[in-house]
Each structure stands twice: as C-alpha cells, then as structure tokens.
C-alpha cells in the first residue's frame, strides 16, 4: 500500500508542476514575452492545454463567467492541496499503522 500512497502523491505533484508551467506560460504569452507563432512555443502550449483542459472544463461550467478572469486553475490547485492533505492525514491506512 505504500507504493499506492507514493504513486498518488507523485501524480498530484506532477500535476501541480504542469499547472505551474501552464500558468507561467500563459502570463508570458499575455505579456508578449513568448509568441505563439514560434513552433516550439505553440507545441508546448497546445500540449499543456490538452493535458489540463479535461480538468478545467467541468469546473469552468460550474463557475460564473467573470470576464477575462479564469478561476478554474485556482479551484484545481485547492483540490490538489486538499487531496494531498487528505492522503498525508490518512497515511496510516496506506502504511499499515
């Protein structure tokens, strides 16, 4: 069961870093530091969007429209934190204590 606990924590950590990369890249694109006409930037951006859109879409359908502000990543971040804390608080179940 330790392996399951570690795998779940690893998945949540990887998701966290992918979201951070996506958010930073969106800022750089919006402030015109990066340009989507560059092939590498466009490919990375498309890949990150394809990975994260299935997480964001259901949340965006629930949240009210706030114009240009997208709160879906914030909600997913909070969900990841809650899941990580729940796993750590119940680590005894996974570790056999």
PDB file of N, CA and C in Angstrom:
ATOM      1  N   UNK A   1       0.814  -1.195   0.000  1.00  0.00           N
ATOM      2  CA  UNK A   1       0.000   0.000   0.000  1.00  0.00           C
ATOM      3  C   UNK A   1       0.860   1.262   0.000  1.00  0.00           C
ATOM      4  N   UNK A   2       2.096   1.136   0.488  1.00  0.00           N
ATOM      5  CA  UNK A   2       2.987   2.284   0.469  1.00  0.00           C
ATOM      6  C   UNK A   2       3.200   2.765  -0.959  1.00  0.00           C
ATOM      7  N   UNK A   3       3.305   1.827  -1.878  1.00  0.00           N
ATOM      8  CA  UNK A   3       3.505   2.176  -3.280  1.00  0.00           C
ATOM      9  C   UNK A   3       2.327   2.962  -3.824  1.00  0.00           C
ATOM     10  N   UNK A   4       1.124   2.585  -3.450  1.00  0.00           N
ATOM     11  CA  UNK A   4      -0.072   3.313  -3.884  1.00  0.00           C
ATOM     12  C   UNK A   4      -0.056   4.735  -3.353  1.00  0.00           C
ATOM     13  N   UNK A   5       0.284   4.894  -2.079  1.00  0.00           N
ATOM     14  CA  UNK A   5       0.370   6.219  -1.469  1.00  0.00           C
ATOM     15  C   UNK A   5       1.396   7.074  -2.209  1.00  0.00           C
ATOM     16  N   UNK A   6       2.583   6.510  -2.451  1.00  0.00           N
ATOM     17  CA  UNK A   6       3.634   7.259  -3.130  1.00  0.00           C
ATOM     18  C   UNK A   6       3.249   7.588  -4.568  1.00  0.00           C
ATOM     19  N   UNK A   7       2.576   6.675  -5.244  1.00  0.00           N
ATOM     20  CA  UNK A   7       2.148   6.918  -6.621  1.00  0.00           C
ATOM     21  C   UNK A   7       1.120   8.045  -6.686  1.00  0.00           C
ATOM     22  N   UNK A   8       0.173   8.030  -5.768  1.00  0.00           N
ATOM     23  CA  UNK A   8      -0.840   9.094  -5.748  1.00  0.00           C
ATOM     24  C   UNK A   8      -0.208  10.449  -5.447  1.00  0.00           C
ATOM     25  N   UNK A   9       0.713  10.482  -4.499  1.00  0.00           N
ATOM     26  CA  UNK A   9       1.391  11.740  -4.181  1.00  0.00           C
ATOM     27  C   UNK A   9       2.229  12.215  -5.370  1.00  0.00           C
ATOM     28  N   UNK A  10       2.888  11.297  -6.076  1.00  0.00           N
ATOM     29  CA  UNK A  10       3.689  11.654  -7.237  1.00  0.00           C
ATOM     30  C   UNK A  10       2.814  12.221  -8.352  1.00  0.00           C
ATOM     31  N   UNK A  11       1.677  11.603  -8.594  1.00  0.00           N
ATOM     32  CA  UNK A  11       0.755  12.089  -9.624  1.00  0.00           C
ATOM     33  C   UNK A  11       0.274  13.498  -9.292  1.00  0.00           C
ATOM     34  N   UNK A  12      -0.069  13.726  -8.041  1.00  0.00           N
ATOM     35  CA  UNK A  12      -0.523  15.058  -7.643  1.00  0.00           C
ATOM     36  C   UNK A  12       0.603  16.088  -7.747  1.00  0.00           C
ATOM     37  N   UNK A  13       1.841  15.699  -7.402  1.00  0.00           N
ATOM     38  CA  UNK A  13       2.977  16.612  -7.537  1.00  0.00           C
ATOM     39  C   UNK A  13       3.256  16.950  -8.997  1.00  0.00           C
ATOM     40  N   UNK A  14       3.200  15.966  -9.872  1.00  0.00           N
ATOM     41  CA  UNK A  14       3.430  16.203 -11.297  1.00  0.00           C
ATOM     42  C   UNK A  14       2.341  17.118 -11.857  1.00  0.00           C
ATOM     43  N   UNK A  15       1.104  16.870 -11.485  1.00  0.00           N
ATOM     44  CA  UNK A  15       0.005  17.730 -11.923  1.00  0.00           C
ATOM     45  C   UNK A  15       0.215  19.164 -11.451  1.00  0.00           C
ATOM     46  N   UNK A  16       0.681  19.317 -10.229  1.00  0.00           N
ATOM     47  CA  UNK A  16       0.964  20.642  -9.661  1.00  0.00           C
ATOM     48  C   UNK A  16       1.980  21.386 -10.534  1.00  0.00           C
ATOM     49  N   UNK A  17       3.096  20.719 -10.891  1.00  0.00           N
ATOM     50  CA  UNK A  17       4.133  21.361 -11.675  1.00  0.00           C
ATOM     51  C   UNK A  17       3.683  21.643 -13.114  1.00  0.00           C
ATOM     52  N   UNK A  18       2.881  20.768 -13.685  1.00  0.00           N
ATOM     53  CA  UNK A  18       2.339  21.025 -15.021  1.00  0.00           C
ATOM     54  C   UNK A  18       1.447  22.259 -14.996  1.00  0.00           C
ATOM     55  N   UNK A  19       0.641  22.397 -13.947  1.00  0.00           N
ATOM     56  CA  UNK A  19      -0.225  23.571 -13.834  1.00  0.00           C
ATOM     57  C   UNK A  19       0.594  24.845 -13.648  1.00  0.00           C
ATOM     58  N   UNK A  20       1.646  24.786 -12.846  1.00  0.00           N
ATOM     59  CA  UNK A  20       2.517  25.951 -12.657  1.00  0.00           C
ATOM     60  C   UNK A  20       3.126  26.363 -13.994  1.00  0.00           C
ATOM     61  N   UNK A  21       3.624  25.394 -14.774  1.00  0.00           N
ATOM     62  CA  UNK A  21       4.204  25.692 -16.084  1.00  0.00           C
ATOM     63  C   UNK A  21       3.163  26.323 -17.004  1.00  0.00           C
ATOM     64  N   UNK A  22       1.947  25.815 -16.974  1.00  0.00           N
ATOM     65  CA  UNK A  22       0.864  26.342 -17.817  1.00  0.00           C
ATOM     66  C   UNK A  22       0.519  27.778 -17.436  1.00  0.00           C
ATOM     67  N   UNK A  23       0.436  28.046 -16.153  1.00  0.00           N
ATOM     68  CA  UNK A  23       0.092  29.391 -15.691  1.00  0.00           C
ATOM     69  C   UNK A  23       1.200  30.382 -16.038  1.00  0.00           C
ATOM     70  N   UNK A  24       2.450  30.008 -15.786  1.00  0.00           N
ATOM     71  CA  UNK A  24       3.564  30.905 -16.101  1.00  0.00           C
ATOM     72  C   UNK A  24       3.630  31.146 -17.606  1.00  0.00           C
ATOM     73  N   UNK A  25       3.424  30.102 -18.386  1.00  0.00           N
ATOM     74  CA  UNK A  25       3.458  30.265 -19.835  1.00  0.00           C
ATOM     75  C   UNK A  25       2.324  31.165 -20.316  1.00  0.00           C
ATOM     76  N   UNK A  26       1.152  31.052 -19.706  1.00  0.00           N
ATOM     77  CA  UNK A  26       0.037  31.924 -20.109  1.00  0.00           C
ATOM     78  C   UNK A  26       0.354  33.383 -19.801  1.00  0.00           C
ATOM     79  N   UNK A  27       1.010  33.644 -18.681  1.00  0.00           N
ATOM     80  CA  UNK A  27       1.415  35.014 -18.362  1.00  0.00           C
ATOM     81  C   UNK A  27       2.421  35.521 -19.388  1.00  0.00           C
ATOM     82  N   UNK A  28       3.415  34.690 -19.717  1.00  0.00           N
ATOM     83  CA  UNK A  28       4.432  35.099 -20.679  1.00  0.00           C
ATOM     84  C   UNK A  28       3.838  35.357 -22.064  1.00  0.00           C
ATOM     85  N   UNK A  29       2.838  34.577 -22.438  1.00  0.00           N
ATOM     86  CA  UNK A  29       2.165  34.803 -23.720  1.00  0.00           C
ATOM     87  C   UNK A  29       1.346  36.087 -23.662  1.00  0.00           C
ATOM     88  N   UNK A  30       0.631  36.300 -22.577  1.00  0.00           N
ATOM     89  CA  UNK A  30      -0.197  37.505 -22.462  1.00  0.00           C
ATOM     90  C   UNK A  30       0.631  38.774 -22.401  1.00  0.00           C
ATOM     91  N   UNK A  31       1.825  38.714 -21.810  1.00  0.00           N
ATOM     92  CA  UNK A  31       2.701  39.884 -21.745  1.00  0.00           C
ATOM     93  C   UNK A  31       3.652  39.953 -22.937  1.00  0.00           C
ATOM     94  N   UNK A  32       3.404  39.114 -23.938  1.00  0.00           N
ATOM     95  CA  UNK A  32       4.120  39.084 -25.211  1.00  0.00           C
ATOM     96  C   UNK A  32       5.621  38.837 -25.051  1.00  0.00           C
ATOM     97  N   UNK A  33       5.978  38.091 -24.026  1.00  0.00           N
ATOM     98  CA  UNK A  33       7.358  37.637 -23.895  1.00  0.00           C
ATOM     99  C   UNK A  33       7.552  36.417 -24.793  1.00  0.00           C
ATOM    100  N   UNK A  34       6.541  35.556 -24.843  1.00  0.00           N
ATOM    101  CA  UNK A  34       6.521  34.413 -25.754  1.00  0.00           C
ATOM    102  C   UNK A  34       5.502  34.681 -26.849  1.00  0.00           C
ATOM    103  N   UNK A  35       5.769  34.114 -28.020  1.00  0.00           N
ATOM    104  CA  UNK A  35       4.897  34.314 -29.160  1.00  0.00           C
ATOM    105  C   UNK A  35       4.410  32.953 -29.654  1.00  0.00           C
ATOM    106  N   UNK A  36       3.103  32.812 -29.829  1.00  0.00           N
ATOM    107  CA  UNK A  36       2.549  31.535 -30.273  1.00  0.00           C
ATOM    108  C   UNK A  36       2.864  31.227 -31.735  1.00  0.00           C
ATOM    109  N   UNK A  37       3.451  32.177 -32.461  1.00  0.00           N
ATOM    110  CA  UNK A  37       3.866  31.909 -33.842  1.00  0.00           C
ATOM    111  C   UNK A  37       5.164  31.115 -33.897  1.00  0.00           C
ATOM    112  N   UNK A  38       5.858  31.013 -32.769  1.00  0.00           N
ATOM    113  CA  UNK A  38       7.054  30.180 -32.706  1.00  0.00           C
ATOM    114  C   UNK A  38       6.602  28.723 -32.563  1.00  0.00           C
ATOM    115  N   UNK A  39       7.092  27.833 -33.414  1.00  0.00           N
ATOM    116  CA  UNK A  39       6.592  26.447 -33.416  1.00  0.00           C
ATOM    117  C   UNK A  39       6.742  25.725 -32.073  1.00  0.00           C
ATOM    118  N   UNK A  40       7.881  25.862 -31.413  1.00  0.00           N
ATOM    119  CA  UNK A  40       8.085  25.167 -30.138  1.00  0.00           C
ATOM    120  C   UNK A  40       7.129  25.683 -29.071  1.00  0.00           C
ATOM    121  N   UNK A  41       6.978  26.992 -29.003  1.00  0.00           N
ATOM    122  CA  UNK A  41       6.070  27.589 -28.020  1.00  0.00           C
ATOM    123  C   UNK A  41       4.641  27.123 -28.289  1.00  0.00           C
ATOM    124  N   UNK A  42       4.250  27.111 -29.551  1.00  0.00           N
ATOM    125  CA  UNK A  42       2.891  26.684 -29.906  1.00  0.00           C
ATOM    126  C   UNK A  42       2.659  25.214 -29.549  1.00  0.00           C
ATOM    127  N   UNK A  43       3.656  24.371 -29.768  1.00  0.00           N
ATOM    128  CA  UNK A  43       3.504  22.944 -29.455  1.00  0.00           C
ATOM    129  C   UNK A  43       3.414  22.707 -27.955  1.00  0.00           C
ATOM    130  N   UNK A  44       4.265  23.381 -27.193  1.00  0.00           N
ATOM    131  CA  UNK A  44       4.226  23.219 -25.730  1.00  0.00           C
ATOM    132  C   UNK A  44       2.893  23.731 -25.201  1.00  0.00           C
ATOM    133  N   UNK A  45       2.454  24.883 -25.684  1.00  0.00           N
ATOM    134  CA  UNK A  45       1.192  25.475 -25.233  1.00  0.00           C
ATOM    135  C   UNK A  45       0.020  24.552 -25.557  1.00  0.00           C
ATOM    136  N   UNK A  46       0.008  24.000 -26.769  1.00  0.00           N
ATOM    137  CA  UNK A  46      -1.066  23.091 -27.165  1.00  0.00           C
ATOM    138  C   UNK A  46      -1.050  21.825 -26.307  1.00  0.00           C
ATOM    139  N   UNK A  47       0.137  21.299 -26.040  1.00  0.00           N
ATOM    140  CA  UNK A  47       0.238  20.100 -25.205  1.00  0.00           C
ATOM    141  C   UNK A  47      -0.250  20.340 -23.784  1.00  0.00           C
ATOM    142  N   UNK A  48       0.133  21.477 -23.203  1.00  0.00           N
ATOM    143  CA  UNK A  48      -0.328  21.793 -21.843  1.00  0.00           C
ATOM    144  C   UNK A  48      -1.836  21.995 -21.815  1.00  0.00           C
ATOM    145  N   UNK A  49      -2.377  22.657 -22.836  1.00  0.00           N
ATOM    146  CA  UNK A  49      -3.826  22.852 -22.892  1.00  0.00           C
ATOM    147  C   UNK A  49      -4.560  21.519 -23.015  1.00  0.00           C
ATOM    148  N   UNK A  50      -4.024  20.612 -23.826  1.00  0.00           N
ATOM    149  CA  UNK A  50      -4.675  19.301 -23.985  1.00  0.00           C
ATOM    150  C   UNK A  50      -4.631  18.477 -22.690  1.00  0.00           C
ATOM    151  N   UNK A  51      -3.551  18.634 -21.925  1.00  0.00           N
ATOM    152  CA  UNK A  51      -3.447  17.916 -20.654  1.00  0.00           C
ATOM    153  C   UNK A  51      -4.401  18.469 -19.597  1.00  0.00           C
ATOM    154  N   UNK A  52      -4.532  19.783 -19.537  1.00  0.00           N
ATOM    155  CA  UNK A  52      -5.250  20.407 -18.427  1.00  0.00           C
ATOM    156  C   UNK A  52      -6.711  20.731 -18.723  1.00  0.00           C
ATOM    157  N   UNK A  53      -7.078  20.808 -19.982  1.00  0.00           N
ATOM    158  CA  UNK A  53      -8.457  21.167 -20.317  1.00  0.00           C
ATOM    159  C   UNK A  53      -9.487  20.178 -19.747  1.00  0.00           C
ATOM    160  N   UNK A  54      -9.224  18.864 -19.752  1.00  0.00           N
ATOM    161  CA  UNK A  54     -10.209  17.959 -19.130  1.00  0.00           C
ATOM    162  C   UNK A  54     -10.434  18.227 -17.640  1.00  0.00           C
ATOM    163  N   UNK A  55      -9.445  18.796 -16.959  1.00  0.00           N
ATOM    164  CA  UNK A  55      -9.631  19.166 -15.553  1.00  0.00           C
ATOM    165  C   UNK A  55     -10.391  20.477 -15.409  1.00  0.00           C
ATOM    166  N   UNK A  56     -10.079  21.415 -16.293  1.00  0.00           N
ATOM    167  CA  UNK A  56     -10.656  22.754 -16.176  1.00  0.00           C
ATOM    168  C   UNK A  56     -12.094  22.836 -16.686  1.00  0.00           C
ATOM    169  N   UNK A  57     -12.429  22.090 -17.731  1.00  0.00           N
ATOM    170  CA  UNK A  57     -13.736  22.215 -18.386  1.00  0.00           C
ATOM    171  C   UNK A  57     -14.913  22.025 -17.427  1.00  0.00           C
ATOM    172  N   UNK A  58     -14.944  20.967 -16.606  1.00  0.00           N
ATOM    173  CA  UNK A  58     -16.102  20.815 -15.706  1.00  0.00           C
ATOM    174  C   UNK A  58     -16.188  21.934 -14.675  1.00  0.00           C
ATOM    175  N   UNK A  59     -15.041  22.427 -14.241  1.00  0.00           N
ATOM    176  CA  UNK A  59     -15.032  23.496 -13.247  1.00  0.00           C
ATOM    177  C   UNK A  59     -15.499  24.800 -13.873  1.00  0.00           C
ATOM    178  N   UNK A  60     -15.066  25.059 -15.107  1.00  0.00           N
ATOM    179  CA  UNK A  60     -15.498  26.276 -15.803  1.00  0.00           C
ATOM    180  C   UNK A  60     -17.006  26.278 -16.037  1.00  0.00           C
ATOM    181  N   UNK A  61     -17.584  25.098 -16.228  1.00  0.00           N
ATOM    182  CA  UNK A  61     -19.033  25.050 -16.457  1.00  0.00           C
ATOM    183  C   UNK A  61     -19.818  25.368 -15.185  1.00  0.00           C
ATOM    184  N   UNK A  62     -19.210  25.174 -14.031  1.00  0.00           N
ATOM    185  CA  UNK A  62     -19.872  25.447 -12.753  1.00  0.00           C
ATOM    186  C   UNK A  62     -19.662  26.894 -12.318  1.00  0.00           C
ATOM    187  N   UNK A  63     -18.439  27.411 -12.517  1.00  0.00           N
ATOM    188  CA  UNK A  63     -18.111  28.761 -12.068  1.00  0.00           C
ATOM    189  C   UNK A  63     -18.834  29.812 -12.914  1.00  0.00           C
ATOM    190  N   UNK A  64     -19.193  30.943 -12.310  1.00  0.00           N
ATOM    191  CA  UNK A  64     -19.812  32.017 -13.098  1.00  0.00           C
ATOM    192  C   UNK A  64     -18.793  32.679 -14.019  1.00  0.00           C
ATOM    193  N   UNK A  65     -19.278  33.282 -15.089  1.00  0.00           N
ATOM    194  CA  UNK A  65     -18.413  33.970 -16.037  1.00  0.00           C
ATOM    195  C   UNK A  65     -17.928  35.277 -15.415  1.00  0.00           C
ATOM    196  N   UNK A  66     -16.617  35.419 -15.274  1.00  0.00           N
ATOM    197  CA  UNK A  66     -16.035  36.611 -14.672  1.00  0.00           C
ATOM    198  C   UNK A  66     -15.286  37.448 -15.701  1.00  0.00           C
ATOM    199  N   UNK A  67     -15.677  37.358 -16.939  1.00  0.00           N
ATOM    200  CA  UNK A  67     -14.990  38.110 -17.980  1.00  0.00           C
ATOM    201  C   UNK A  67     -13.699  37.423 -18.363  1.00  0.00           C
ATOM    202  N   UNK A  68     -12.584  38.133 -18.219  1.00  0.00           N
ATOM    203  CA  UNK A  68     -11.291  37.585 -18.605  1.00  0.00           C
ATOM    204  C   UNK A  68     -10.578  36.824 -17.508  1.00  0.00           C
ATOM    205  N   UNK A  69     -11.212  36.682 -16.351  1.00  0.00           N
ATOM    206  CA  UNK A  69     -10.559  36.003 -15.230  1.00  0.00           C
ATOM    207  C   UNK A  69     -10.985  34.536 -15.207  1.00  0.00           C
ATOM    208  N   UNK A  70     -10.007  33.651 -15.221  1.00  0.00           N
ATOM    209  CA  UNK A  70     -10.269  32.217 -15.181  1.00  0.00           C
ATOM    210  C   UNK A  70      -9.868  31.679 -13.813  1.00  0.00           C
ATOM    211  N   UNK A  71     -10.851  31.278 -13.037  1.00  0.00           N
ATOM    212  CA  UNK A  71     -10.585  30.769 -11.692  1.00  0.00           C
ATOM    213  C   UNK A  71     -10.470  29.245 -11.637  1.00  0.00           C
ATOM    214  N   UNK A  72     -10.628  28.577 -12.773  1.00  0.00           N
ATOM    215  CA  UNK A  72     -10.558  27.112 -12.789  1.00  0.00           C
ATOM    216  C   UNK A  72      -9.213  26.595 -12.285  1.00  0.00           C
ATOM    217  N   UNK A  73      -8.063  27.179 -12.685  1.00  0.00           N
ATOM    218  CA  UNK A  73      -6.802  26.681 -12.136  1.00  0.00           C
ATOM    219  C   UNK A  73      -6.715  26.829 -10.621  1.00  0.00           C
ATOM    220  N   UNK A  74      -7.244  27.913 -10.084  1.00  0.00           N
ATOM    221  CA  UNK A  74      -7.233  28.106  -8.636  1.00  0.00           C
ATOM    222  C   UNK A  74      -8.044  27.019  -7.934  1.00  0.00           C
ATOM    223  N   UNK A  75      -9.186  26.683  -8.497  1.00  0.00           N
ATOM    224  CA  UNK A  75     -10.030  25.636  -7.905  1.00  0.00           C
ATOM    225  C   UNK A  75      -9.313  24.289  -7.966  1.00  0.00           C
ATOM    226  N   UNK A  76      -8.644  24.010  -9.078  1.00  0.00           N
ATOM    227  CA  UNK A  76      -7.902  22.747  -9.194  1.00  0.00           C
ATOM    228  C   UNK A  76      -6.732  22.722  -8.210  1.00  0.00           C
ATOM    229  N   UNK A  77      -6.028  23.868  -8.052  1.00  0.00           N
ATOM    230  CA  UNK A  77      -4.949  23.944  -7.057  1.00  0.00           C
ATOM    231  C   UNK A  77      -5.482  23.618  -5.660  1.00  0.00           C
ATOM    232  N   UNK A  78      -6.592  24.214  -5.302  1.00  0.00           N
ATOM    233  CA  UNK A  78      -7.184  23.949  -3.978  1.00  0.00           C
ATOM    234  C   UNK A  78      -7.556  22.480  -3.857  1.00  0.00           C
ATOM    235  N   UNK A  79      -8.094  21.906  -4.920  1.00  0.00           N
ATOM    236  CA  UNK A  79      -8.427  20.477  -4.904  1.00  0.00           C
ATOM    237  C   UNK A  79      -7.205  19.603  -4.717  1.00  0.00           C
ATOM    238  N   UNK A  80      -6.103  19.954  -5.378  1.00  0.00           N
ATOM    239  CA  UNK A  80      -4.861  19.188  -5.224  1.00  0.00           C
ATOM    240  C   UNK A  80      -4.351  19.280  -3.795  1.00  0.00           C
ATOM    241  N   UNK A  81      -4.383  20.471  -3.225  1.00  0.00           N
ATOM    242  CA  UNK A  81      -3.928  20.645  -1.840  1.00  0.00           C
ATOM    243  C   UNK A  81      -4.780  19.822  -0.891  1.00  0.00           C
ATOM    244  N   UNK A  82      -6.089  19.842  -1.091  1.00  0.00           N
ATOM    245  CA  UNK A  82      -6.991  19.067  -0.236  1.00  0.00           C
ATOM    246  C   UNK A  82      -6.704  17.572  -0.373  1.00  0.00           C
ATOM    247  N   UNK A  83      -6.516  17.099  -1.609  1.00  0.00           N
ATOM    248  CA  UNK A  83      -6.221  15.677  -1.807  1.00  0.00           C
ATOM    249  C   UNK A  83      -4.884  15.280  -1.175  1.00  0.00           C
ATOM    250  N   UNK A  84      -3.869  16.129  -1.325  1.00  0.00           N
ATOM    251  CA  UNK A  84      -2.580  15.813  -0.719  1.00  0.00           C
ATOM    252  C   UNK A  84      -2.677  15.774   0.800  1.00  0.00           C
ATOM    253  N   UNK A  85      -3.366  16.731   1.375  1.00  0.00           N
ATOM    254  CA  UNK A  85      -3.508  16.739   2.843  1.00  0.00           C
ATOM    255  C   UNK A  85      -4.317  15.535   3.312  1.00  0.00           C
ATOM    256  N   UNK A  86      -5.358  15.173   2.561  1.00  0.00           N
ATOM    257  CA  UNK A  86      -6.154  14.000   2.933  1.00  0.00           C
ATOM    258  C   UNK A  86      -5.303  12.733   2.870  1.00  0.00           C
ATOM    259  N   UNK A  87      -4.459  12.629   1.849  1.00  0.00           N
ATOM    260  CA  UNK A  87      -3.593  11.454   1.752  1.00  0.00           C
ATOM    261  C   UNK A  87      -2.587  11.408   2.896  1.00  0.00           C
ATOM    262  N   UNK A  88      -1.978  12.539   3.215  1.00  0.00           N
ATOM    263  CA  UNK A  88      -0.994  12.581   4.295  1.00  0.00           C
ATOM    264  C   UNK A  88      -1.657  12.289   5.637  1.00  0.00           C
ATOM    265  N   UNK A  89      -2.837  12.858   5.867  1.00  0.00           N
ATOM    266  CA  UNK A  89      -3.531  12.637   7.141  1.00  0.00           C
ATOM    267  C   UNK A  89      -4.002  11.195   7.297  1.00  0.00           C
ATOM    268  N   UNK A  90      -4.206  10.507   6.179  1.00  0.00           N
ATOM    269  CA  UNK A  90      -4.637   9.110   6.237  1.00  0.00           C
ATOM    270  C   UNK A  90      -3.520   8.166   5.804  1.00  0.00           C
ATOM    271  N   UNK A  91      -2.291   8.608   5.948  1.00  0.00           N
ATOM    272  CA  UNK A  91      -1.142   7.792   5.542  1.00  0.00           C
ATOM    273  C   UNK A  91      -1.078   6.488   6.326  1.00  0.00           C
ATOM    274  N   UNK A  92      -1.594   6.482   7.531  1.00  0.00           N
ATOM    275  CA  UNK A  92      -1.606   5.262   8.327  1.00  0.00           C
ATOM    276  C   UNK A  92      -2.362   4.141   7.658  1.00  0.00           C
ATOM    277  N   UNK A  93      -3.396   4.488   6.914  1.00  0.00           N
ATOM    278  CA  UNK A  93      -4.154   3.482   6.180  1.00  0.00           C
ATOM    279  C   UNK A  93      -3.274   2.831   5.111  1.00  0.00           C
ATOM    280  N   UNK A  94      -2.470   3.669   4.419  1.00  0.00           N
ATOM    281  CA  UNK A  94      -1.629   3.157   3.343  1.00  0.00           C
ATOM    282  C   UNK A  94      -0.388   2.458   3.888  1.00  0.00           C
ATOM    283  N   UNK A  95       0.130   2.975   4.998  1.00  0.00           N
ATOM    284  CA  UNK A  95       1.398   2.450   5.524  1.00  0.00           C
ATOM    285  C   UNK A  95       1.227   1.348   6.548  1.00  0.00           C
ATOM    286  N   UNK A  96      -0.010   1.055   6.908  1.00  0.00           N
ATOM    287  CA  UNK A  96      -0.272  -0.049   7.809  1.00  0.00           C
ATOM    288  C   UNK A  96      -0.094   0.251   9.282  1.00  0.00           C
ATOM    289  N   UNK A  97      -0.194   1.530   9.677  1.00  0.00           N
ATOM    290  CA  UNK A  97      -0.037   1.882  11.095  1.00  0.00           C
ATOM    291  C   UNK A  97      -1.347   1.751  11.820  1.00  0.00           C
TER     292      UNK A  97
END
